[in-house]
Protein backbone atom coordinates (compact mmCIF):
# COMPACT_ATOMS: atom_id res chain seq x y z
CA MET A 1 0.00 0.00 0.00
CA ASP A 2 1.25 3.49 -0.85
CA ARG A 3 2.79 5.43 2.07
CA SER A 4 0.74 8.58 1.36
CA LEU A 5 -2.47 6.55 1.51
CA LEU A 6 -1.46 5.12 4.89
CA ASN A 7 -0.76 8.64 6.16
CA LEU A 8 -4.18 9.79 4.98
CA ILE A 9 -5.92 6.85 6.62
CA GLY A 10 -4.03 7.52 9.87
CA ALA A 11 -5.06 11.17 9.84
CA ILE A 12 -8.68 10.22 9.19
CA LEU A 13 -8.50 7.77 12.10
CA LEU A 14 -7.32 10.54 14.43
CA LEU A 15 -10.07 12.87 13.21
CA GLU A 16 -12.74 10.22 13.77
CA ILE A 17 -11.47 9.52 17.28
CA GLY A 18 -11.67 13.25 17.99
CA SER A 19 -15.16 13.42 16.53
CA GLY A 20 -16.28 10.51 18.69
CA LEU A 21 -14.88 12.20 21.78
CA GLN A 22 -16.72 15.39 20.84
CA GLY A 23 -19.95 13.44 20.55
CA VAL A 24 -19.53 12.45 24.19
CA LEU A 25 -17.99 15.62 25.59
CA ILE A 26 -20.37 18.19 24.11
CA PRO A 27 -23.53 16.85 25.80
CA ILE A 28 -21.72 16.44 29.12
CA ARG A 29 -20.37 19.98 28.92
CA ALA A 30 -23.81 21.31 27.92
CA GLU A 31 -25.33 19.58 30.96
CA LEU A 32 -22.74 21.19 33.22
CA ALA A 33 -23.51 24.57 31.64
CA GLY A 34 -27.19 24.15 32.51
CA PHE A 35 -28.71 23.58 29.07
CA PRO A 36 -32.16 21.94 29.05
CA ALA A 37 -32.30 18.29 27.98
CA GLN A 38 -34.23 19.16 24.80
CA ILE A 39 -31.52 21.54 23.61
CA ILE A 40 -28.80 18.98 24.36
CA GLY A 41 -30.74 16.44 22.30
CA ILE A 42 -31.07 18.89 19.41
CA ILE A 43 -27.34 19.64 19.52
CA GLY A 44 -26.50 15.93 19.41
CA SER A 45 -28.97 15.30 16.60
CA LEU A 46 -27.65 18.17 14.50
CA HIS A 47 -24.09 16.90 15.01
CA CYS A 48 -25.17 13.58 13.46
CA VAL A 49 -27.13 15.31 10.68
CA GLY A 50 -24.04 17.33 9.78
CA PHE A 51 -21.99 14.14 9.61
CA LEU A 52 -24.59 12.55 7.32
CA VAL A 53 -24.77 15.57 5.01
CA GLY A 54 -20.98 15.60 4.82
CA CYS A 55 -20.90 11.92 3.85
CA LEU A 56 -23.43 12.52 1.09
CA ARG A 57 -21.71 15.59 -0.36
CA LEU A 58 -18.12 14.42 -0.01
CA PRO A 59 -17.81 12.20 -3.13
CA ALA A 60 -18.68 15.08 -5.46
CA MET A 61 -16.28 17.36 -3.60
CA ILE A 62 -13.45 14.83 -3.88
CA ARG A 63 -14.07 14.37 -7.62
CA ARG A 64 -13.99 18.14 -8.12
CA VAL A 65 -10.90 19.19 -6.10
CA GLY A 66 -9.13 15.96 -5.05
CA HIS A 67 -8.81 14.15 -1.76
CA VAL A 68 -5.85 16.10 -0.41
CA ARG A 69 -7.45 19.54 -0.77
CA CYS A 70 -10.77 18.23 0.43
CA PHE A 71 -9.19 16.64 3.51
CA SER A 72 -7.25 19.81 4.31
CA ALA A 73 -10.27 22.08 4.00
CA LEU A 74 -12.58 19.86 6.02
CA SER A 75 -9.93 19.34 8.72
CA ALA A 76 -9.61 23.10 9.08
CA ILE A 77 -13.40 23.43 9.37
CA ALA A 78 -13.53 20.67 12.00
CA ALA A 79 -10.76 22.32 14.03
CA SER A 80 -12.52 25.69 13.83
CA ALA A 81 -15.81 24.15 14.95
CA THR A 82 -14.06 22.59 17.94
CA LEU A 83 -12.65 25.98 18.91
CA ILE A 84 -16.10 27.56 18.59
CA TYR A 85 -17.50 25.01 21.06
CA ALA A 86 -14.94 26.15 23.64
CA ASN A 87 -16.49 29.62 23.87
C-alpha cells in the first residue's frame, strides 16, 4: 500500500477519534452549563445530521478538487468548529 495513503488513513483515524470524543464531551459539557435536555438532544442530533450531510456531499467534492485539498479544508473546518465550542 502506498505510504501517502497510509498517512491519509491515519489522519482520518485521528479525526474520527476526535469526533467521537466530541460526541460524548459536548452533551456532558452542555449539561454542566445548565442547558435543558431538549436543547442537548437537538445539539446531538444536529451533530449527526451534519456528519450525514458531509458523507453525502463528499464524493462530489473529492471528484472536483481531489482528496488532499478536500481533507485539508474539512480538517480546518472541524478544528474551527471545535474551537467555537470552547467559547
